[in-house]
Amino acid sequence: MWRSFSSVEARPAAATLLLPSAFVMVGCVLAACAMAGCGTTQREFAMRQPIEMGPWTFEVQSATERRESSGGQQIKMVSIELKLHNYRERHAKPFDEFLNGHSPGSIMAFPNMKLEDEAGTRFDGWLVPLSGGNLRSETWRAEFPLVPSSAPDDNTAERAAMYLDTRLPDLRVVIDNPDRRGDQPDSVAVRLR
């Protein structure tokens, strides 16, 4: 049972009893937060601002949008160009494999790079070198069809129609850092403005 203290002398004793409990509770919350990933950092970057991830330094140089027809259905496509600042440096693996995280040379969704709208809907894309192949290319293009990653295959066309009027300023590229070093962030978000 809780007992109320009315005298001034009794209050410090009650505080002394409650203080260790508070530290234990805070410690438990911090431990749970660490296990749940609360300590992850995401930094906002502007376009054309250098980003450091793993051994690479790069920037989101430009973004364009267009409509394409696929099977009689219009789809909004967003292209993002990335420029490497240190592409001549030898690395253990090429830039696309660094961001890809799985089989080299495959043109598949890159798990570490997504396009995201204001509502948090994510769109998968793919990354291709623009010159010199994946070992020597200084510039890369990421292509994103605006079809949500979570959309079932049977209603892709219907879902794509919902995003035809999406504008570049409503989107951002979210890139997870697969090789965090020093004070590098766990991920970055770059607004397409």
N, C-alpha and C. Protein backbone atom coordinates (compact mmCIF):
# COMPACT_ATOMS: atom_id res chain seq x y z
N MET A 1 0.85 -1.19 0.00
CA MET A 1 0.00 0.00 0.00
C MET A 1 0.88 1.23 0.00
N TRP A 2 0.39 2.26 -0.70
CA TRP A 2 1.09 3.54 -0.70
C TRP A 2 0.75 4.29 0.58
N ARG A 3 1.74 4.94 1.11
CA ARG A 3 1.54 5.72 2.32
C ARG A 3 1.95 7.15 2.01
N SER A 4 1.12 8.10 2.34
CA SER A 4 1.47 9.49 2.08
C SER A 4 2.28 10.03 3.23
N PHE A 5 3.28 10.83 2.88
CA PHE A 5 4.14 11.45 3.87
C PHE A 5 3.74 12.90 4.00
N SER A 6 3.51 13.31 5.22
CA SER A 6 3.09 14.69 5.42
C SER A 6 4.20 15.54 6.02
N SER A 7 5.16 14.91 6.65
CA SER A 7 6.19 15.73 7.28
C SER A 7 7.30 16.03 6.29
N VAL A 8 7.95 17.14 6.46
CA VAL A 8 9.05 17.55 5.60
C VAL A 8 10.21 16.57 5.72
N GLU A 9 10.43 16.00 6.91
CA GLU A 9 11.54 15.09 7.13
C GLU A 9 11.35 13.78 6.35
N ALA A 10 10.14 13.38 6.14
CA ALA A 10 9.89 12.09 5.49
C ALA A 10 10.06 12.17 3.98
N ARG A 11 9.93 13.32 3.37
CA ARG A 11 10.00 13.45 1.91
C ARG A 11 11.34 13.02 1.33
N PRO A 12 12.49 13.43 1.90
CA PRO A 12 13.75 12.96 1.33
C PRO A 12 13.88 11.43 1.36
N ALA A 13 13.38 10.79 2.40
CA ALA A 13 13.45 9.33 2.47
C ALA A 13 12.63 8.70 1.36
N ALA A 14 11.46 9.26 1.06
CA ALA A 14 10.61 8.73 -0.01
C ALA A 14 11.29 8.94 -1.36
N ALA A 15 11.90 10.10 -1.53
CA ALA A 15 12.60 10.38 -2.79
C ALA A 15 13.77 9.43 -2.97
N THR A 16 14.46 9.11 -1.88
CA THR A 16 15.58 8.19 -1.94
C THR A 16 15.12 6.80 -2.36
N LEU A 17 13.94 6.39 -1.92
CA LEU A 17 13.40 5.09 -2.30
C LEU A 17 12.95 5.06 -3.75
N LEU A 18 12.39 6.16 -4.23
CA LEU A 18 11.86 6.20 -5.59
C LEU A 18 12.93 6.44 -6.64
N LEU A 19 14.01 7.13 -6.30
CA LEU A 19 15.05 7.48 -7.26
C LEU A 19 15.69 6.27 -7.93
N PRO A 20 16.11 5.23 -7.18
CA PRO A 20 16.69 4.06 -7.86
C PRO A 20 15.69 3.39 -8.79
N SER A 21 14.42 3.36 -8.42
CA SER A 21 13.40 2.76 -9.29
C SER A 21 13.29 3.52 -10.60
N ALA A 22 13.40 4.84 -10.53
CA ALA A 22 13.33 5.66 -11.75
C ALA A 22 14.50 5.35 -12.67
N PHE A 23 15.71 5.17 -12.11
CA PHE A 23 16.86 4.85 -12.93
C PHE A 23 16.71 3.48 -13.59
N VAL A 24 16.17 2.52 -12.86
CA VAL A 24 15.94 1.18 -13.42
C VAL A 24 14.95 1.27 -14.57
N MET A 25 13.87 2.06 -14.37
CA MET A 25 12.85 2.20 -15.41
C MET A 25 13.44 2.86 -16.66
N VAL A 26 14.21 3.93 -16.49
CA VAL A 26 14.84 4.60 -17.63
C VAL A 26 15.78 3.65 -18.35
N GLY A 27 16.55 2.86 -17.60
CA GLY A 27 17.46 1.89 -18.20
C GLY A 27 16.71 0.86 -19.03
N CYS A 28 15.58 0.40 -18.54
CA CYS A 28 14.76 -0.57 -19.28
C CYS A 28 14.22 0.03 -20.56
N VAL A 29 13.77 1.27 -20.49
CA VAL A 29 13.25 1.95 -21.69
C VAL A 29 14.36 2.11 -22.72
N LEU A 30 15.56 2.53 -22.30
CA LEU A 30 16.67 2.68 -23.22
C LEU A 30 17.07 1.36 -23.85
N ALA A 31 17.09 0.30 -23.05
CA ALA A 31 17.44 -1.02 -23.59
C ALA A 31 16.41 -1.48 -24.61
N ALA A 32 15.14 -1.29 -24.31
CA ALA A 32 14.07 -1.67 -25.25
C ALA A 32 14.17 -0.84 -26.52
N CYS A 33 14.47 0.42 -26.37
CA CYS A 33 14.59 1.31 -27.52
C CYS A 33 15.75 0.88 -28.41
N ALA A 34 16.87 0.51 -27.81
CA ALA A 34 18.02 0.08 -28.59
C ALA A 34 17.71 -1.20 -29.35
N MET A 35 16.98 -2.13 -28.71
CA MET A 35 16.62 -3.38 -29.37
C MET A 35 15.64 -3.15 -30.49
N ALA A 36 14.78 -2.13 -30.36
CA ALA A 36 13.78 -1.86 -31.39
C ALA A 36 14.31 -0.96 -32.49
N GLY A 37 15.55 -0.48 -32.38
CA GLY A 37 16.12 0.36 -33.42
C GLY A 37 15.84 1.83 -33.24
N CYS A 38 15.50 2.26 -32.02
CA CYS A 38 15.20 3.67 -31.77
C CYS A 38 16.43 4.54 -31.96
N GLY A 39 17.62 3.95 -31.86
CA GLY A 39 18.84 4.73 -31.94
C GLY A 39 19.28 5.02 -33.36
N THR A 40 18.52 4.58 -34.36
CA THR A 40 18.93 4.82 -35.74
C THR A 40 18.84 6.29 -36.07
N THR A 41 19.76 6.72 -36.91
CA THR A 41 19.78 8.13 -37.29
C THR A 41 19.47 8.27 -38.77
N GLN A 42 18.65 9.23 -39.07
CA GLN A 42 18.39 9.58 -40.46
C GLN A 42 18.63 11.07 -40.61
N ARG A 43 19.42 11.43 -41.59
CA ARG A 43 19.72 12.84 -41.82
C ARG A 43 19.09 13.29 -43.12
N GLU A 44 18.62 14.54 -43.10
CA GLU A 44 18.06 15.16 -44.30
C GLU A 44 19.18 15.82 -45.09
N PHE A 45 19.20 15.61 -46.38
CA PHE A 45 20.17 16.25 -47.27
C PHE A 45 19.41 16.94 -48.39
N ALA A 46 20.03 17.97 -48.94
CA ALA A 46 19.48 18.64 -50.12
C ALA A 46 20.11 18.00 -51.36
N MET A 47 19.48 18.21 -52.50
CA MET A 47 20.09 17.75 -53.74
C MET A 47 21.41 18.49 -53.94
N ARG A 48 22.35 17.81 -54.57
CA ARG A 48 23.68 18.34 -54.85
C ARG A 48 24.50 18.60 -53.59
N GLN A 49 24.15 17.95 -52.50
CA GLN A 49 24.92 18.04 -51.25
C GLN A 49 25.63 16.70 -51.04
N PRO A 50 26.96 16.69 -50.82
CA PRO A 50 27.69 15.43 -50.67
C PRO A 50 27.19 14.59 -49.50
N ILE A 51 27.05 13.29 -49.76
CA ILE A 51 26.60 12.31 -48.78
C ILE A 51 27.70 11.27 -48.63
N GLU A 52 28.08 10.97 -47.41
CA GLU A 52 29.09 9.93 -47.17
C GLU A 52 28.41 8.68 -46.63
N MET A 53 28.66 7.57 -47.32
CA MET A 53 28.16 6.26 -46.89
C MET A 53 29.24 5.23 -47.15
N GLY A 54 29.59 4.48 -46.11
CA GLY A 54 30.64 3.50 -46.29
C GLY A 54 31.86 4.17 -46.88
N PRO A 55 32.47 3.58 -47.94
CA PRO A 55 33.64 4.19 -48.56
C PRO A 55 33.28 5.25 -49.61
N TRP A 56 31.99 5.47 -49.85
CA TRP A 56 31.56 6.32 -50.97
C TRP A 56 31.16 7.72 -50.51
N THR A 57 31.38 8.68 -51.41
CA THR A 57 30.81 10.02 -51.27
C THR A 57 30.09 10.29 -52.59
N PHE A 58 28.83 10.66 -52.50
CA PHE A 58 28.03 10.88 -53.70
C PHE A 58 26.98 11.95 -53.43
N GLU A 59 26.26 12.35 -54.45
CA GLU A 59 25.18 13.32 -54.31
C GLU A 59 24.04 12.96 -55.23
N VAL A 60 22.85 13.38 -54.86
CA VAL A 60 21.70 13.28 -55.76
C VAL A 60 21.77 14.54 -56.61
N GLN A 61 22.15 14.37 -57.87
CA GLN A 61 22.46 15.51 -58.72
C GLN A 61 21.22 16.12 -59.37
N SER A 62 20.30 15.27 -59.84
CA SER A 62 19.11 15.80 -60.51
C SER A 62 17.98 14.78 -60.44
N ALA A 63 16.77 15.26 -60.73
CA ALA A 63 15.60 14.38 -60.76
C ALA A 63 14.67 14.87 -61.87
N THR A 64 14.12 13.93 -62.61
CA THR A 64 13.16 14.26 -63.66
C THR A 64 11.97 13.30 -63.56
N GLU A 65 10.86 13.70 -64.16
CA GLU A 65 9.67 12.85 -64.17
C GLU A 65 9.12 12.78 -65.59
N ARG A 66 8.44 11.69 -65.89
CA ARG A 66 7.82 11.52 -67.20
C ARG A 66 6.71 10.48 -67.07
N ARG A 67 5.87 10.42 -68.08
CA ARG A 67 4.84 9.38 -68.16
C ARG A 67 5.22 8.40 -69.25
N GLU A 68 5.00 7.14 -68.96
CA GLU A 68 5.25 6.09 -69.95
C GLU A 68 4.01 5.24 -70.07
N SER A 69 3.87 4.61 -71.22
CA SER A 69 2.75 3.72 -71.44
C SER A 69 3.24 2.29 -71.31
N SER A 70 2.52 1.49 -70.53
CA SER A 70 2.87 0.09 -70.35
C SER A 70 1.59 -0.73 -70.44
N GLY A 71 1.47 -1.50 -71.50
CA GLY A 71 0.27 -2.31 -71.71
C GLY A 71 -0.98 -1.46 -71.79
N GLY A 72 -0.89 -0.30 -72.42
CA GLY A 72 -2.04 0.59 -72.56
C GLY A 72 -2.33 1.42 -71.32
N GLN A 73 -1.54 1.27 -70.29
CA GLN A 73 -1.75 2.01 -69.03
C GLN A 73 -0.63 3.02 -68.84
N GLN A 74 -0.98 4.23 -68.43
CA GLN A 74 0.01 5.27 -68.14
C GLN A 74 0.65 5.02 -66.78
N ILE A 75 1.97 5.18 -66.71
CA ILE A 75 2.72 5.04 -65.46
C ILE A 75 3.64 6.25 -65.33
N LYS A 76 3.68 6.83 -64.16
CA LYS A 76 4.61 7.92 -63.88
C LYS A 76 5.95 7.32 -63.52
N MET A 77 7.01 7.81 -64.19
CA MET A 77 8.37 7.36 -63.92
C MET A 77 9.17 8.53 -63.36
N VAL A 78 10.00 8.24 -62.36
CA VAL A 78 10.89 9.25 -61.80
C VAL A 78 12.32 8.75 -61.98
N SER A 79 13.16 9.59 -62.58
CA SER A 79 14.58 9.27 -62.77
C SER A 79 15.41 10.17 -61.88
N ILE A 80 16.36 9.58 -61.20
CA ILE A 80 17.24 10.33 -60.30
C ILE A 80 18.67 10.03 -60.71
N GLU A 81 19.46 11.07 -60.90
CA GLU A 81 20.86 10.87 -61.23
C GLU A 81 21.72 11.09 -59.99
N LEU A 82 22.62 10.13 -59.76
CA LEU A 82 23.55 10.19 -58.66
C LEU A 82 24.95 10.40 -59.24
N LYS A 83 25.73 11.25 -58.61
CA LYS A 83 27.11 11.48 -59.06
C LYS A 83 28.05 11.09 -57.94
N LEU A 84 29.03 10.22 -58.27
CA LEU A 84 30.03 9.80 -57.30
C LEU A 84 31.16 10.83 -57.28
N HIS A 85 31.65 11.12 -56.09
CA HIS A 85 32.77 12.05 -55.96
C HIS A 85 34.11 11.32 -55.91
N ASN A 86 34.10 10.04 -55.56
CA ASN A 86 35.35 9.30 -55.41
C ASN A 86 35.33 8.01 -56.22
N TYR A 87 34.82 8.07 -57.44
CA TYR A 87 34.65 6.85 -58.21
C TYR A 87 35.97 6.22 -58.64
N ARG A 88 37.09 6.97 -58.63
CA ARG A 88 38.37 6.41 -59.06
C ARG A 88 39.02 5.56 -57.96
N GLU A 89 38.60 5.77 -56.74
CA GLU A 89 39.16 5.01 -55.62
C GLU A 89 38.74 3.55 -55.74
N ARG A 90 39.66 2.64 -55.46
CA ARG A 90 39.32 1.21 -55.51
C ARG A 90 38.51 0.85 -54.27
N HIS A 91 37.43 0.15 -54.49
CA HIS A 91 36.58 -0.30 -53.39
C HIS A 91 36.40 -1.81 -53.51
N ALA A 92 35.97 -2.41 -52.44
CA ALA A 92 35.77 -3.86 -52.43
C ALA A 92 34.71 -4.29 -53.44
N LYS A 93 33.72 -3.43 -53.68
CA LYS A 93 32.68 -3.77 -54.65
C LYS A 93 32.18 -2.49 -55.32
N PRO A 94 31.60 -2.61 -56.51
CA PRO A 94 31.09 -1.43 -57.22
C PRO A 94 29.92 -0.78 -56.47
N PHE A 95 29.61 0.44 -56.86
CA PHE A 95 28.58 1.24 -56.18
C PHE A 95 27.21 0.57 -56.20
N ASP A 96 26.83 -0.03 -57.33
CA ASP A 96 25.51 -0.67 -57.40
C ASP A 96 25.43 -1.88 -56.47
N GLU A 97 26.51 -2.63 -56.35
CA GLU A 97 26.52 -3.76 -55.42
C GLU A 97 26.48 -3.27 -53.98
N PHE A 98 27.13 -2.14 -53.71
CA PHE A 98 27.10 -1.54 -52.37
C PHE A 98 25.66 -1.20 -51.97
N LEU A 99 24.92 -0.56 -52.88
CA LEU A 99 23.53 -0.20 -52.58
C LEU A 99 22.57 -1.37 -52.77
N ASN A 100 22.93 -2.31 -53.61
CA ASN A 100 22.04 -3.40 -53.94
C ASN A 100 21.88 -4.39 -52.79
N GLY A 101 22.99 -4.90 -52.31
CA GLY A 101 22.92 -5.85 -51.21
C GLY A 101 22.66 -7.27 -51.63
N HIS A 102 22.49 -7.54 -52.93
CA HIS A 102 22.38 -8.93 -53.35
C HIS A 102 23.11 -9.14 -54.67
N SER A 103 22.70 -10.09 -55.50
CA SER A 103 23.49 -10.55 -56.62
C SER A 103 24.00 -9.43 -57.52
N PRO A 104 25.30 -9.44 -57.83
CA PRO A 104 25.88 -8.40 -58.66
C PRO A 104 25.32 -8.43 -60.07
N GLY A 105 25.17 -7.25 -60.66
CA GLY A 105 24.73 -7.13 -62.04
C GLY A 105 23.24 -7.32 -62.26
N SER A 106 22.47 -7.61 -61.23
CA SER A 106 21.04 -7.83 -61.43
C SER A 106 20.30 -6.50 -61.45
N ILE A 107 19.33 -6.38 -62.34
CA ILE A 107 18.50 -5.18 -62.38
C ILE A 107 17.24 -5.50 -61.61
N MET A 108 17.33 -5.39 -60.31
CA MET A 108 16.22 -5.70 -59.42
C MET A 108 16.07 -4.57 -58.44
N ALA A 109 15.05 -4.65 -57.62
CA ALA A 109 14.83 -3.62 -56.60
C ALA A 109 16.04 -3.55 -55.68
N PHE A 110 16.42 -2.34 -55.35
CA PHE A 110 17.55 -2.13 -54.46
C PHE A 110 17.01 -1.94 -53.06
N PRO A 111 17.26 -2.88 -52.16
CA PRO A 111 16.66 -2.80 -50.83
C PRO A 111 17.13 -1.60 -50.02
N ASN A 112 18.29 -1.04 -50.35
CA ASN A 112 18.81 0.08 -49.57
C ASN A 112 18.44 1.45 -50.14
N MET A 113 17.70 1.50 -51.23
CA MET A 113 17.32 2.77 -51.83
C MET A 113 15.86 2.72 -52.30
N LYS A 114 15.04 3.61 -51.77
CA LYS A 114 13.62 3.66 -52.12
C LYS A 114 13.23 5.10 -52.39
N LEU A 115 12.16 5.26 -53.12
CA LEU A 115 11.52 6.56 -53.30
C LEU A 115 10.32 6.56 -52.37
N GLU A 116 10.03 7.69 -51.75
CA GLU A 116 8.96 7.76 -50.76
C GLU A 116 8.15 9.03 -50.97
N ASP A 117 6.80 8.93 -50.83
CA ASP A 117 5.97 10.12 -50.94
C ASP A 117 5.63 10.66 -49.56
N GLU A 118 4.83 11.74 -49.52
CA GLU A 118 4.49 12.41 -48.26
C GLU A 118 3.77 11.48 -47.27
N ALA A 119 3.01 10.52 -47.79
CA ALA A 119 2.24 9.61 -46.94
C ALA A 119 3.09 8.43 -46.44
N GLY A 120 4.35 8.35 -46.90
CA GLY A 120 5.22 7.25 -46.48
C GLY A 120 5.15 6.04 -47.39
N THR A 121 4.42 6.14 -48.51
CA THR A 121 4.36 5.04 -49.48
C THR A 121 5.72 4.93 -50.15
N ARG A 122 6.22 3.72 -50.26
CA ARG A 122 7.54 3.51 -50.84
C ARG A 122 7.44 2.86 -52.21
N PHE A 123 8.40 3.25 -53.07
CA PHE A 123 8.45 2.75 -54.44
C PHE A 123 9.83 2.17 -54.69
N ASP A 124 9.86 0.94 -55.25
CA ASP A 124 11.13 0.28 -55.58
C ASP A 124 11.64 0.82 -56.90
N GLY A 125 12.95 0.69 -57.10
CA GLY A 125 13.55 1.11 -58.35
C GLY A 125 14.77 0.27 -58.66
N TRP A 126 15.53 0.68 -59.67
CA TRP A 126 16.76 0.01 -60.03
C TRP A 126 17.79 1.06 -60.41
N LEU A 127 19.05 0.67 -60.38
CA LEU A 127 20.16 1.58 -60.57
C LEU A 127 21.01 1.09 -61.73
N VAL A 128 21.35 1.99 -62.65
CA VAL A 128 22.19 1.61 -63.79
C VAL A 128 23.31 2.63 -63.96
N PRO A 129 24.52 2.16 -64.35
CA PRO A 129 25.62 3.09 -64.61
C PRO A 129 25.38 3.82 -65.93
N LEU A 130 25.77 5.08 -66.01
CA LEU A 130 25.56 5.85 -67.23
C LEU A 130 26.78 5.85 -68.15
N SER A 131 27.95 5.50 -67.62
CA SER A 131 29.14 5.40 -68.48
C SER A 131 30.18 4.53 -67.79
N GLY A 132 30.95 3.81 -68.58
CA GLY A 132 32.08 3.06 -68.03
C GLY A 132 31.73 1.79 -67.29
N GLY A 133 30.49 1.34 -67.32
CA GLY A 133 30.12 0.13 -66.61
C GLY A 133 30.12 0.35 -65.11
N ASN A 134 29.75 -0.68 -64.36
CA ASN A 134 29.59 -0.47 -62.92
C ASN A 134 30.91 -0.33 -62.17
N LEU A 135 32.04 -0.64 -62.81
CA LEU A 135 33.33 -0.48 -62.14
C LEU A 135 33.89 0.94 -62.25
N ARG A 136 33.51 1.67 -63.31
CA ARG A 136 34.15 2.96 -63.55
C ARG A 136 33.18 4.13 -63.70
N SER A 137 31.90 3.90 -63.61
CA SER A 137 30.94 4.98 -63.88
C SER A 137 30.93 6.03 -62.76
N GLU A 138 31.01 7.27 -63.17
CA GLU A 138 30.94 8.39 -62.22
C GLU A 138 29.49 8.78 -61.97
N THR A 139 28.62 8.54 -62.95
CA THR A 139 27.21 8.90 -62.81
C THR A 139 26.33 7.66 -62.96
N TRP A 140 25.24 7.68 -62.19
CA TRP A 140 24.31 6.56 -62.15
C TRP A 140 22.89 7.10 -62.23
N ARG A 141 21.99 6.31 -62.80
CA ARG A 141 20.58 6.69 -62.86
C ARG A 141 19.75 5.65 -62.13
N ALA A 142 18.92 6.14 -61.23
CA ALA A 142 17.95 5.28 -60.55
C ALA A 142 16.59 5.55 -61.17
N GLU A 143 15.89 4.50 -61.56
CA GLU A 143 14.57 4.62 -62.18
C GLU A 143 13.52 4.05 -61.23
N PHE A 144 12.47 4.83 -61.02
CA PHE A 144 11.40 4.42 -60.12
C PHE A 144 10.04 4.54 -60.80
N PRO A 145 9.36 3.43 -61.10
CA PRO A 145 7.97 3.53 -61.53
C PRO A 145 7.13 3.81 -60.28
N LEU A 146 6.22 4.76 -60.37
CA LEU A 146 5.40 5.09 -59.19
C LEU A 146 4.26 4.10 -59.03
N VAL A 147 4.66 2.90 -58.63
CA VAL A 147 3.75 1.82 -58.26
C VAL A 147 4.23 1.38 -56.88
N PRO A 148 3.38 1.45 -55.86
CA PRO A 148 3.84 1.12 -54.51
C PRO A 148 4.48 -0.26 -54.42
N SER A 149 5.53 -0.34 -53.61
CA SER A 149 6.25 -1.61 -53.41
C SER A 149 5.32 -2.69 -52.91
N SER A 150 4.31 -2.30 -52.13
CA SER A 150 3.41 -3.27 -51.51
C SER A 150 2.22 -3.64 -52.39
N ALA A 151 2.13 -3.07 -53.61
CA ALA A 151 0.98 -3.34 -54.48
C ALA A 151 1.01 -4.77 -55.00
N PRO A 152 -0.11 -5.50 -54.88
CA PRO A 152 -0.16 -6.84 -55.47
C PRO A 152 -0.08 -6.74 -57.00
N ASP A 153 0.48 -7.77 -57.63
CA ASP A 153 0.67 -7.74 -59.08
C ASP A 153 -0.62 -7.59 -59.86
N ASP A 154 -1.73 -8.08 -59.33
CA ASP A 154 -2.98 -8.09 -60.10
C ASP A 154 -3.62 -6.70 -60.25
N ASN A 155 -3.25 -5.72 -59.42
CA ASN A 155 -3.84 -4.40 -59.58
C ASN A 155 -2.79 -3.30 -59.74
N THR A 156 -1.66 -3.64 -60.36
CA THR A 156 -0.57 -2.70 -60.58
C THR A 156 -1.03 -1.49 -61.38
N ALA A 157 -1.77 -1.72 -62.48
CA ALA A 157 -2.22 -0.62 -63.33
C ALA A 157 -3.14 0.32 -62.57
N GLU A 158 -4.03 -0.24 -61.78
CA GLU A 158 -4.95 0.59 -60.99
C GLU A 158 -4.19 1.43 -59.97
N ARG A 159 -3.21 0.82 -59.31
CA ARG A 159 -2.42 1.55 -58.31
C ARG A 159 -1.56 2.63 -58.97
N ALA A 160 -1.02 2.34 -60.16
CA ALA A 160 -0.18 3.32 -60.87
C ALA A 160 -0.97 4.57 -61.23
N ALA A 161 -2.24 4.41 -61.56
CA ALA A 161 -3.08 5.55 -61.94
C ALA A 161 -3.24 6.53 -60.78
N MET A 162 -3.18 6.05 -59.56
CA MET A 162 -3.33 6.91 -58.38
C MET A 162 -2.17 7.90 -58.23
N TYR A 163 -1.03 7.61 -58.86
CA TYR A 163 0.18 8.41 -58.65
C TYR A 163 0.58 9.22 -59.89
N LEU A 164 -0.29 9.29 -60.90
CA LEU A 164 0.05 10.03 -62.12
C LEU A 164 0.26 11.52 -61.87
N ASP A 165 -0.42 12.09 -60.90
CA ASP A 165 -0.30 13.52 -60.62
C ASP A 165 0.71 13.84 -59.53
N THR A 166 1.45 12.85 -59.06
CA THR A 166 2.48 13.09 -58.05
C THR A 166 3.58 13.96 -58.64
N ARG A 167 4.01 14.97 -57.87
CA ARG A 167 5.05 15.90 -58.33
C ARG A 167 6.37 15.60 -57.64
N LEU A 168 7.46 15.98 -58.26
CA LEU A 168 8.79 15.74 -57.69
C LEU A 168 8.94 16.31 -56.28
N PRO A 169 8.47 17.56 -56.00
CA PRO A 169 8.64 18.09 -54.64
C PRO A 169 7.91 17.29 -53.56
N ASP A 170 6.98 16.40 -53.97
CA ASP A 170 6.25 15.57 -53.01
C ASP A 170 7.00 14.27 -52.68
N LEU A 171 8.18 14.11 -53.29
CA LEU A 171 8.92 12.86 -53.14
C LEU A 171 10.29 13.09 -52.52
N ARG A 172 10.81 12.03 -51.93
CA ARG A 172 12.18 12.06 -51.44
C ARG A 172 12.80 10.68 -51.62
N VAL A 173 14.11 10.65 -51.82
CA VAL A 173 14.84 9.39 -51.91
C VAL A 173 15.33 9.06 -50.51
N VAL A 174 15.08 7.83 -50.07
CA VAL A 174 15.56 7.37 -48.78
C VAL A 174 16.59 6.27 -49.07
N ILE A 175 17.82 6.49 -48.57
CA ILE A 175 18.91 5.55 -48.81
C ILE A 175 19.44 5.06 -47.47
N ASP A 176 19.36 3.76 -47.25
CA ASP A 176 19.91 3.16 -46.04
C ASP A 176 21.39 2.91 -46.24
N ASN A 177 22.17 3.12 -45.19
CA ASN A 177 23.62 2.95 -45.26
C ASN A 177 23.97 1.50 -44.91
N PRO A 178 24.39 0.70 -45.89
CA PRO A 178 24.70 -0.70 -45.60
C PRO A 178 26.08 -0.91 -44.96
N ASP A 179 26.87 0.16 -44.85
CA ASP A 179 28.23 0.03 -44.30
C ASP A 179 28.56 1.29 -43.51
N ARG A 180 27.85 1.48 -42.40
CA ARG A 180 28.00 2.70 -41.60
C ARG A 180 29.37 2.78 -40.97
N ARG A 181 30.03 3.95 -41.12
CA ARG A 181 31.36 4.16 -40.56
C ARG A 181 31.39 5.48 -39.80
N GLY A 182 32.08 5.48 -38.66
CA GLY A 182 32.25 6.71 -37.88
C GLY A 182 30.92 7.36 -37.54
N ASP A 183 30.79 8.65 -37.86
CA ASP A 183 29.55 9.37 -37.54
C ASP A 183 28.59 9.43 -38.72
N GLN A 184 28.77 8.53 -39.69
CA GLN A 184 27.83 8.47 -40.81
C GLN A 184 26.44 8.09 -40.30
N PRO A 185 25.39 8.62 -40.94
CA PRO A 185 24.03 8.25 -40.51
C PRO A 185 23.66 6.85 -40.95
N ASP A 186 22.64 6.29 -40.30
CA ASP A 186 22.12 4.97 -40.70
C ASP A 186 21.38 5.08 -42.03
N SER A 187 20.77 6.24 -42.28
CA SER A 187 20.10 6.46 -43.56
C SER A 187 20.02 7.97 -43.82
N VAL A 188 19.75 8.29 -45.08
CA VAL A 188 19.59 9.69 -45.47
C VAL A 188 18.29 9.83 -46.25
N ALA A 189 17.74 11.02 -46.24
CA ALA A 189 16.54 11.34 -47.01
C ALA A 189 16.86 12.60 -47.80
N VAL A 190 16.61 12.56 -49.11
CA VAL A 190 16.91 13.70 -49.98
C VAL A 190 15.63 14.11 -50.69
N ARG A 191 15.16 15.33 -50.42
CA ARG A 191 13.97 15.90 -51.09
C ARG A 191 14.29 16.21 -52.54
N LEU A 192 13.38 15.90 -53.43
CA LEU A 192 13.60 16.14 -54.87
C LEU A 192 13.12 17.54 -55.24
N ARG A 193 13.88 18.55 -54.83
CA ARG A 193 13.56 19.95 -55.15
C ARG A 193 14.75 20.60 -55.80
